[in-house]
Amino acid sequence: MSKNQKRILVLASAFALTFGIVPTVSAMHIMEGYLPGGFCIAWGVLCVPFLIAGFMSIKKTLNEHRNLVTLLAMSGAFVFVISSLKIPSVTGSCSHMTGTGLGAILFGPSAVSILGLIVLLFQAILLAHGGLTTIGANTFSMAIAGPFVSYGLYVVLKKANVDKKVCVFLAAFLGDLFTYCVTAVQMALAHHADTTFGAAVGKFLLVFAPTQVPLALIEGVITVLIIMGLETYAKPELRAIGYLKEGK
């Protein structure tokens, strides 16, 4: 392991120790049993093409640059730690940061679908955070929809010559918020018998907003700080994935 990789590992460990020791709260992603069986299957099937693309993306990246495994693992650890800091928001779900914007910016959104699925499985089995029957819905919202928005926004803003730190902040911030927009839609699709679908979406979004907007802002700032750290200690790795141009 190179000196830069060791520094990245130390940075990730310090982050985990700093933010990982929090009181347990009874809050979740979309929880076990909250979605009807048909919805669980449909969301799971919808995730399959993205997961296949993600597996191929990670395989290609590591075959070409084996030394990026540490950076990839750090991106996954970041998702795990930051998405475990949860604030109760509404029966059946919660508000929390996602952490997927960082991985999407560095490795692309497809790779994050695999990282997110691994995180969600660990959280469902070990932390009672989320559920196995709802793993498809949670994967689609947090590990697919959000990362694709983050990556797309980052690419568009970068081409528009927006300052890179602003690009990273907005990508992480809006990717986080979009995750919860999708979650609201998922919950409204399954639970709108007593009202219209649009009203149900609005109700869930209204409940999420007071906690999710400030959390998304915090995630944007943290993501920028981590990128700044990587630009200092992991320039070879950032060049290898194309984040930094050669010579910089």
C-alpha atoms as a PDB file:
ATOM      1  CA  MET A   1       0.000   0.000   0.000  1.00  0.00           C
ATOM      2  CA  SER A   2       1.437   3.377  -1.032  1.00  0.00           C
ATOM      3  CA  LYS A   3       1.836   6.336   1.315  1.00  0.00           C
ATOM      4  CA  ASN A   4      -1.071   8.169  -0.350  1.00  0.00           C
ATOM      5  CA  GLN A   5      -3.336   5.121  -0.016  1.00  0.00           C
ATOM      6  CA  LYS A   6      -2.448   4.849   3.667  1.00  0.00           C
ATOM      7  CA  ARG A   7      -3.368   8.505   4.131  1.00  0.00           C
ATOM      8  CA  ILE A   8      -6.731   7.915   2.440  1.00  0.00           C
ATOM      9  CA  LEU A   9      -7.380   4.919   4.690  1.00  0.00           C
ATOM     10  CA  VAL A  10      -6.521   6.955   7.786  1.00  0.00           C
ATOM     11  CA  LEU A  11      -8.828   9.759   6.603  1.00  0.00           C
ATOM     12  CA  ALA A  12     -11.704   7.327   6.082  1.00  0.00           C
ATOM     13  CA  SER A  13     -11.114   5.688   9.467  1.00  0.00           C
ATOM     14  CA  ALA A  14     -11.019   9.034  11.248  1.00  0.00           C
ATOM     15  CA  PHE A  15     -14.281  10.043   9.584  1.00  0.00           C
ATOM     16  CA  ALA A  16     -15.934   6.791  10.612  1.00  0.00           C
ATOM     17  CA  LEU A  17     -14.805   7.151  14.222  1.00  0.00           C
ATOM     18  CA  THR A  18     -15.864  10.782  14.369  1.00  0.00           C
ATOM     19  CA  PHE A  19     -19.345  10.393  12.902  1.00  0.00           C
ATOM     20  CA  GLY A  20     -20.081   6.730  13.455  1.00  0.00           C
ATOM     21  CA  ILE A  21     -20.551   6.888  17.241  1.00  0.00           C
ATOM     22  CA  VAL A  22     -24.127   8.110  17.500  1.00  0.00           C
ATOM     23  CA  PRO A  23     -27.129   7.146  19.558  1.00  0.00           C
ATOM     24  CA  THR A  24     -29.431   4.510  18.073  1.00  0.00           C
ATOM     25  CA  VAL A  25     -32.773   5.760  16.884  1.00  0.00           C
ATOM     26  CA  SER A  26     -35.702   3.754  15.604  1.00  0.00           C
ATOM     27  CA  ALA A  27     -35.705   5.092  12.062  1.00  0.00           C
ATOM     28  CA  MET A  28     -35.126   3.465   8.690  1.00  0.00           C
ATOM     29  CA  HIS A  29     -35.066   3.665   4.928  1.00  0.00           C
ATOM     30  CA  ILE A  30     -38.382   2.325   3.656  1.00  0.00           C
ATOM     31  CA  MET A  31     -38.817  -0.333   6.312  1.00  0.00           C
ATOM     32  CA  GLU A  32     -39.474  -4.056   6.124  1.00  0.00           C
ATOM     33  CA  GLY A  33     -43.050  -4.826   5.136  1.00  0.00           C
ATOM     34  CA  TYR A  34     -43.984  -1.226   4.318  1.00  0.00           C
ATOM     35  CA  LEU A  35     -44.377  -1.889   0.577  1.00  0.00           C
ATOM     36  CA  PRO A  36     -46.740  -4.483  -0.955  1.00  0.00           C
ATOM     37  CA  GLY A  37     -45.056  -7.548  -2.468  1.00  0.00           C
ATOM     38  CA  GLY A  38     -45.694  -6.483  -6.054  1.00  0.00           C
ATOM     39  CA  PHE A  39     -43.974  -3.155  -5.523  1.00  0.00           C
ATOM     40  CA  CYS A  40     -40.985  -4.849  -3.868  1.00  0.00           C
ATOM     41  CA  ILE A  41     -40.540  -7.156  -6.854  1.00  0.00           C
ATOM     42  CA  ALA A  42     -41.039  -4.391  -9.415  1.00  0.00           C
ATOM     43  CA  TRP A  43     -38.447  -2.080  -7.862  1.00  0.00           C
ATOM     44  CA  GLY A  44     -36.010  -4.975  -7.548  1.00  0.00           C
ATOM     45  CA  VAL A  45     -36.387  -5.929 -11.213  1.00  0.00           C
ATOM     46  CA  LEU A  46     -35.945  -2.280 -12.226  1.00  0.00           C
ATOM     47  CA  CYS A  47     -32.596  -2.210 -10.414  1.00  0.00           C
ATOM     48  CA  VAL A  48     -31.119  -5.262 -12.189  1.00  0.00           C
ATOM     49  CA  PRO A  49     -29.846  -3.535 -15.396  1.00  0.00           C
ATOM     50  CA  PHE A  50     -28.175  -0.791 -13.339  1.00  0.00           C
ATOM     51  CA  LEU A  51     -26.516  -3.335 -11.053  1.00  0.00           C
ATOM     52  CA  ILE A  52     -25.162  -5.304 -14.011  1.00  0.00           C
ATOM     53  CA  ALA A  53     -23.766  -2.092 -15.506  1.00  0.00           C
ATOM     54  CA  GLY A  54     -22.294  -1.197 -12.111  1.00  0.00           C
ATOM     55  CA  PHE A  55     -20.575  -4.561 -11.743  1.00  0.00           C
ATOM     56  CA  MET A  56     -19.043  -4.236 -15.211  1.00  0.00           C
ATOM     57  CA  SER A  57     -17.946  -0.657 -14.479  1.00  0.00           C
ATOM     58  CA  ILE A  58     -16.182  -1.608 -11.240  1.00  0.00           C
ATOM     59  CA  LYS A  59     -14.573  -4.653 -12.866  1.00  0.00           C
ATOM     60  CA  LYS A  60     -13.233  -2.525 -15.728  1.00  0.00           C
ATOM     61  CA  THR A  61     -11.913   0.169 -13.383  1.00  0.00           C
ATOM     62  CA  LEU A  62     -10.088  -2.266 -11.111  1.00  0.00           C
ATOM     63  CA  ASN A  63      -8.691  -4.278 -14.022  1.00  0.00           C
ATOM     64  CA  GLU A  64      -7.157  -1.119 -15.447  1.00  0.00           C
ATOM     65  CA  HIS A  65      -6.135   0.509 -12.147  1.00  0.00           C
ATOM     66  CA  ARG A  66      -5.872  -2.023  -9.319  1.00  0.00           C
ATOM     67  CA  ASN A  67      -4.555   0.667  -6.965  1.00  0.00           C
ATOM     68  CA  LEU A  68      -7.989   2.337  -6.996  1.00  0.00           C
ATOM     69  CA  VAL A  69      -9.475  -0.368  -4.777  1.00  0.00           C
ATOM     70  CA  THR A  70      -8.701   1.699  -1.661  1.00  0.00           C
ATOM     71  CA  LEU A  71     -10.420   4.794  -3.044  1.00  0.00           C
ATOM     72  CA  LEU A  72     -13.400   2.710  -4.117  1.00  0.00           C
ATOM     73  CA  ALA A  73     -13.625   1.121  -0.666  1.00  0.00           C
ATOM     74  CA  MET A  74     -13.425   4.559   0.946  1.00  0.00           C
ATOM     75  CA  SER A  75     -16.332   5.754  -1.217  1.00  0.00           C
ATOM     76  CA  GLY A  76     -18.393   2.778  -0.059  1.00  0.00           C
ATOM     77  CA  ALA A  77     -17.425   3.323   3.590  1.00  0.00           C
ATOM     78  CA  PHE A  78     -18.463   6.968   3.281  1.00  0.00           C
ATOM     79  CA  VAL A  79     -21.913   5.919   2.041  1.00  0.00           C
ATOM     80  CA  PHE A  80     -22.264   3.415   4.887  1.00  0.00           C
ATOM     81  CA  VAL A  81     -21.275   5.809   7.672  1.00  0.00           C
ATOM     82  CA  ILE A  82     -23.052   8.944   6.514  1.00  0.00           C
ATOM     83  CA  SER A  83     -26.305   7.160   5.603  1.00  0.00           C
ATOM     84  CA  SER A  84     -26.400   5.542   9.054  1.00  0.00           C
ATOM     85  CA  LEU A  85     -26.833   8.966  10.712  1.00  0.00           C
ATOM     86  CA  LYS A  86     -30.606   9.058  10.633  1.00  0.00           C
ATOM     87  CA  ILE A  87     -33.275  11.410  11.921  1.00  0.00           C
ATOM     88  CA  PRO A  88     -36.892  10.164  12.311  1.00  0.00           C
ATOM     89  CA  SER A  89     -39.089  11.886   9.753  1.00  0.00           C
ATOM     90  CA  VAL A  90     -42.298   9.955   9.094  1.00  0.00           C
ATOM     91  CA  THR A  91     -43.714   6.534   9.921  1.00  0.00           C
ATOM     92  CA  GLY A  92     -42.008   3.995   7.669  1.00  0.00           C
ATOM     93  CA  SER A  93     -38.988   6.066   6.714  1.00  0.00           C
ATOM     94  CA  CYS A  94     -36.472   8.675   7.888  1.00  0.00           C
ATOM     95  CA  SER A  95     -34.212  11.496   6.805  1.00  0.00           C
ATOM     96  CA  HIS A  96     -30.485  10.994   6.516  1.00  0.00           C
ATOM     97  CA  MET A  97     -27.611  11.919   4.262  1.00  0.00           C
ATOM     98  CA  THR A  98     -26.829   9.478   1.445  1.00  0.00           C
ATOM     99  CA  GLY A  99     -23.138   9.964   0.676  1.00  0.00           C
ATOM    100  CA  THR A 100     -23.552   8.635  -2.862  1.00  0.00           C
ATOM    101  CA  GLY A 101     -22.626  11.882  -4.596  1.00  0.00           C
ATOM    102  CA  LEU A 102     -18.930  11.395  -3.787  1.00  0.00           C
ATOM    103  CA  GLY A 103     -18.745   7.963  -5.416  1.00  0.00           C
ATOM    104  CA  ALA A 104     -20.784   9.120  -8.416  1.00  0.00           C
ATOM    105  CA  ILE A 105     -18.402  12.007  -9.063  1.00  0.00           C
ATOM    106  CA  LEU A 106     -15.305   9.820  -8.717  1.00  0.00           C
ATOM    107  CA  PHE A 107     -16.378   6.512 -10.298  1.00  0.00           C
ATOM    108  CA  GLY A 108     -19.615   7.265 -12.123  1.00  0.00           C
ATOM    109  CA  PRO A 109     -23.205   6.475 -11.091  1.00  0.00           C
ATOM    110  CA  SER A 110     -23.224   2.844 -12.254  1.00  0.00           C
ATOM    111  CA  ALA A 111     -20.468   1.837  -9.830  1.00  0.00           C
ATOM    112  CA  VAL A 112     -22.344   3.473  -6.957  1.00  0.00           C
ATOM    113  CA  SER A 113     -25.330   1.191  -7.540  1.00  0.00           C
ATOM    114  CA  ILE A 114     -23.172  -1.732  -6.370  1.00  0.00           C
ATOM    115  CA  LEU A 115     -21.692   0.203  -3.445  1.00  0.00           C
ATOM    116  CA  GLY A 116     -25.168   1.327  -2.391  1.00  0.00           C
ATOM    117  CA  LEU A 117     -26.618  -2.180  -2.601  1.00  0.00           C
ATOM    118  CA  ILE A 118     -23.827  -3.552  -0.379  1.00  0.00           C
ATOM    119  CA  VAL A 119     -24.391  -0.754   2.140  1.00  0.00           C
ATOM    120  CA  LEU A 120     -28.161  -1.288   2.190  1.00  0.00           C
ATOM    121  CA  LEU A 121     -27.755  -5.038   2.710  1.00  0.00           C
ATOM    122  CA  PHE A 122     -25.417  -4.496   5.652  1.00  0.00           C
ATOM    123  CA  GLN A 123     -27.711  -1.887   7.176  1.00  0.00           C
ATOM    124  CA  ALA A 124     -30.815  -4.052   6.764  1.00  0.00           C
ATOM    125  CA  ILE A 125     -29.194  -7.164   8.251  1.00  0.00           C
ATOM    126  CA  LEU A 126     -26.948  -5.682  10.948  1.00  0.00           C
ATOM    127  CA  LEU A 127     -28.584  -2.359  11.899  1.00  0.00           C
ATOM    128  CA  ALA A 128     -32.302  -2.982  11.255  1.00  0.00           C
ATOM    129  CA  HIS A 129     -32.087   0.062   8.989  1.00  0.00           C
ATOM    130  CA  GLY A 130     -34.303  -0.577   5.991  1.00  0.00           C
ATOM    131  CA  GLY A 131     -35.383  -4.090   5.046  1.00  0.00           C
ATOM    132  CA  LEU A 132     -34.697  -7.037   2.778  1.00  0.00           C
ATOM    133  CA  THR A 133     -38.101  -6.964   1.077  1.00  0.00           C
ATOM    134  CA  THR A 134     -37.706  -3.244   0.353  1.00  0.00           C
ATOM    135  CA  ILE A 135     -34.053  -3.518  -0.746  1.00  0.00           C
ATOM    136  CA  GLY A 136     -35.024  -2.931  -4.382  1.00  0.00           C
ATOM    137  CA  ALA A 137     -36.928   0.279  -3.678  1.00  0.00           C
ATOM    138  CA  ASN A 138     -34.210   1.597  -1.371  1.00  0.00           C
ATOM    139  CA  THR A 139     -31.489   0.701  -3.873  1.00  0.00           C
ATOM    140  CA  PHE A 140     -33.294   2.488  -6.685  1.00  0.00           C
ATOM    141  CA  SER A 141     -33.806   5.717  -4.734  1.00  0.00           C
ATOM    142  CA  MET A 142     -30.479   5.956  -2.896  1.00  0.00           C
ATOM    143  CA  ALA A 143     -28.018   4.023  -5.069  1.00  0.00           C
ATOM    144  CA  ILE A 144     -29.363   4.678  -8.570  1.00  0.00           C
ATOM    145  CA  ALA A 145     -31.592   7.750  -8.901  1.00  0.00           C
ATOM    146  CA  GLY A 146     -29.601  10.048  -6.600  1.00  0.00           C
ATOM    147  CA  PRO A 147     -26.144   9.136  -8.008  1.00  0.00           C
ATOM    148  CA  PHE A 148     -27.272   9.597 -11.619  1.00  0.00           C
ATOM    149  CA  VAL A 149     -28.547  13.085 -10.797  1.00  0.00           C
ATOM    150  CA  SER A 150     -25.317  13.911  -8.937  1.00  0.00           C
ATOM    151  CA  TYR A 151     -23.125  12.710 -11.796  1.00  0.00           C
ATOM    152  CA  GLY A 152     -25.205  14.341 -14.521  1.00  0.00           C
ATOM    153  CA  LEU A 153     -25.298  17.664 -12.717  1.00  0.00           C
ATOM    154  CA  TYR A 154     -21.547  17.534 -12.017  1.00  0.00           C
ATOM    155  CA  VAL A 155     -20.765  16.896 -15.700  1.00  0.00           C
ATOM    156  CA  VAL A 156     -23.085  19.661 -16.927  1.00  0.00           C
ATOM    157  CA  LEU A 157     -21.773  22.257 -14.463  1.00  0.00           C
ATOM    158  CA  LYS A 158     -18.161  21.299 -15.173  1.00  0.00           C
ATOM    159  CA  LYS A 159     -18.708  21.785 -18.918  1.00  0.00           C
ATOM    160  CA  ALA A 160     -20.237  25.180 -18.104  1.00  0.00           C
ATOM    161  CA  ASN A 161     -16.915  26.120 -16.431  1.00  0.00           C
ATOM    162  CA  VAL A 162     -18.467  26.421 -12.979  1.00  0.00           C
ATOM    163  CA  ASP A 163     -15.927  26.312 -10.144  1.00  0.00           C
ATOM    164  CA  LYS A 164     -15.152  22.664  -9.357  1.00  0.00           C
ATOM    165  CA  LYS A 165     -15.949  22.982  -5.638  1.00  0.00           C
ATOM    166  CA  VAL A 166     -19.331  24.499  -6.486  1.00  0.00           C
ATOM    167  CA  CYS A 167     -19.939  21.622  -8.920  1.00  0.00           C
ATOM    168  CA  VAL A 168     -19.176  19.058  -6.209  1.00  0.00           C
ATOM    169  CA  PHE A 169     -21.347  20.818  -3.628  1.00  0.00           C
ATOM    170  CA  LEU A 170     -24.390  21.161  -5.898  1.00  0.00           C
ATOM    171  CA  ALA A 171     -24.028  17.609  -7.203  1.00  0.00           C
ATOM    172  CA  ALA A 172     -23.977  16.115  -3.689  1.00  0.00           C
ATOM    173  CA  PHE A 173     -26.685  18.474  -2.405  1.00  0.00           C
ATOM    174  CA  LEU A 174     -29.205  17.951  -5.208  1.00  0.00           C
ATOM    175  CA  GLY A 175     -28.436  14.245  -5.558  1.00  0.00           C
ATOM    176  CA  ASP A 176     -29.359  13.824  -1.897  1.00  0.00           C
ATOM    177  CA  LEU A 177     -32.598  15.766  -2.310  1.00  0.00           C
ATOM    178  CA  PHE A 178     -33.549  13.843  -5.448  1.00  0.00           C
ATOM    179  CA  THR A 179     -33.154  10.579  -3.543  1.00  0.00           C
ATOM    180  CA  TYR A 180     -35.905  11.734  -1.194  1.00  0.00           C
ATOM    181  CA  CYS A 181     -38.102  12.926  -4.032  1.00  0.00           C
ATOM    182  CA  VAL A 182     -37.947   9.393  -5.449  1.00  0.00           C
ATOM    183  CA  THR A 183     -38.585   7.893  -1.996  1.00  0.00           C
ATOM    184  CA  ALA A 184     -41.666  10.108  -1.639  1.00  0.00           C
ATOM    185  CA  VAL A 185     -42.939   8.896  -5.009  1.00  0.00           C
ATOM    186  CA  GLN A 186     -42.299   5.255  -4.056  1.00  0.00           C
ATOM    187  CA  MET A 187     -44.217   5.617  -0.810  1.00  0.00           C
ATOM    188  CA  ALA A 188     -47.039   7.555  -2.440  1.00  0.00           C
ATOM    189  CA  LEU A 189     -47.455   4.915  -5.146  1.00  0.00           C
ATOM    190  CA  ALA A 190     -47.998   2.288  -2.468  1.00  0.00           C
ATOM    191  CA  HIS A 191     -50.013   4.373   0.001  1.00  0.00           C
ATOM    192  CA  HIS A 192     -52.465   6.835  -1.525  1.00  0.00           C
ATOM    193  CA  ALA A 193     -55.780   5.020  -1.062  1.00  0.00           C
ATOM    194  CA  ASP A 194     -57.263   7.844   1.007  1.00  0.00           C
ATOM    195  CA  THR A 195     -56.117  10.658  -1.287  1.00  0.00           C
ATOM    196  CA  THR A 196     -54.779  11.360  -4.778  1.00  0.00           C
ATOM    197  CA  PHE A 197     -51.295  10.274  -5.827  1.00  0.00           C
ATOM    198  CA  GLY A 198     -50.149  13.888  -6.217  1.00  0.00           C
ATOM    199  CA  ALA A 199     -51.415  14.830  -2.774  1.00  0.00           C
ATOM    200  CA  ALA A 200     -49.673  11.802  -1.250  1.00  0.00           C
ATOM    201  CA  VAL A 201     -46.360  12.773  -2.892  1.00  0.00           C
ATOM    202  CA  GLY A 202     -46.746  16.309  -1.603  1.00  0.00           C
ATOM    203  CA  LYS A 203     -47.503  15.058   1.912  1.00  0.00           C
ATOM    204  CA  PHE A 204     -44.392  12.908   2.061  1.00  0.00           C
ATOM    205  CA  LEU A 205     -42.185  15.636   0.578  1.00  0.00           C
ATOM    206  CA  LEU A 206     -43.561  18.169   3.063  1.00  0.00           C
ATOM    207  CA  VAL A 207     -42.699  15.916   5.990  1.00  0.00           C
ATOM    208  CA  PHE A 208     -39.212  15.161   4.648  1.00  0.00           C
ATOM    209  CA  ALA A 209     -38.275  18.750   3.788  1.00  0.00           C
ATOM    210  CA  PRO A 210     -37.619  20.283   7.266  1.00  0.00           C
ATOM    211  CA  THR A 211     -34.969  17.666   8.074  1.00  0.00           C
ATOM    212  CA  GLN A 212     -33.707  16.725   4.612  1.00  0.00           C
ATOM    213  CA  VAL A 213     -32.828  20.162   3.221  1.00  0.00           C
ATOM    214  CA  PRO A 214     -30.329  21.030   5.994  1.00  0.00           C
ATOM    215  CA  LEU A 215     -28.933  17.477   5.896  1.00  0.00           C
ATOM    216  CA  ALA A 216     -28.400  17.779   2.135  1.00  0.00           C
ATOM    217  CA  LEU A 217     -26.585  21.083   2.660  1.00  0.00           C
ATOM    218  CA  ILE A 218     -24.316  19.418   5.238  1.00  0.00           C
ATOM    219  CA  GLU A 219     -23.640  16.525   2.876  1.00  0.00           C
ATOM    220  CA  GLY A 220     -22.633  18.959   0.143  1.00  0.00           C
ATOM    221  CA  VAL A 221     -20.126  20.659   2.429  1.00  0.00           C
ATOM    222  CA  ILE A 222     -18.674  17.361   3.718  1.00  0.00           C
ATOM    223  CA  THR A 223     -18.295  16.046   0.168  1.00  0.00           C
ATOM    224  CA  VAL A 224     -16.376  19.168  -0.856  1.00  0.00           C
ATOM    225  CA  LEU A 225     -14.059  18.810   2.153  1.00  0.00           C
ATOM    226  CA  ILE A 226     -13.335  15.164   1.319  1.00  0.00           C
ATOM    227  CA  ILE A 227     -12.613  16.020  -2.311  1.00  0.00           C
ATOM    228  CA  MET A 228     -10.213  18.743  -1.134  1.00  0.00           C
ATOM    229  CA  GLY A 229      -8.451  16.184   1.049  1.00  0.00           C
ATOM    230  CA  LEU A 230      -8.183  13.733  -1.840  1.00  0.00           C
ATOM    231  CA  GLU A 231      -6.792  16.459  -4.107  1.00  0.00           C
ATOM    232  CA  THR A 232      -4.025  16.927  -1.552  1.00  0.00           C
ATOM    233  CA  TYR A 233      -3.176  13.321  -0.713  1.00  0.00           C
ATOM    234  CA  ALA A 234      -4.430  11.194  -3.618  1.00  0.00           C
ATOM    235  CA  LYS A 235      -3.578  13.030  -6.834  1.00  0.00           C
ATOM    236  CA  PRO A 236      -2.306   9.899  -8.666  1.00  0.00           C
ATOM    237  CA  GLU A 237      -5.570   8.087  -7.958  1.00  0.00           C
ATOM    238  CA  LEU A 238      -7.663  11.084  -9.042  1.00  0.00           C
ATOM    239  CA  ARG A 239      -5.678  11.291 -12.284  1.00  0.00           C
ATOM    240  CA  ALA A 240      -6.215   7.576 -12.878  1.00  0.00           C
ATOM    241  CA  ILE A 241     -10.002   7.947 -12.753  1.00  0.00           C
ATOM    242  CA  GLY A 242      -9.932  11.139 -14.802  1.00  0.00           C
ATOM    243  CA  TYR A 243     -11.029  13.529 -12.074  1.00  0.00           C
ATOM    244  CA  LEU A 244      -7.749  15.443 -12.395  1.00  0.00           C
ATOM    245  CA  LYS A 245      -5.989  16.024 -15.709  1.00  0.00           C
ATOM    246  CA  GLU A 246      -2.423  14.865 -16.182  1.00  0.00           C
ATOM    247  CA  GLY A 247       0.102  17.428 -14.993  1.00  0.00           C
ATOM    248  CA  LYS A 248      -2.153  18.799 -12.276  1.00  0.00           C
END
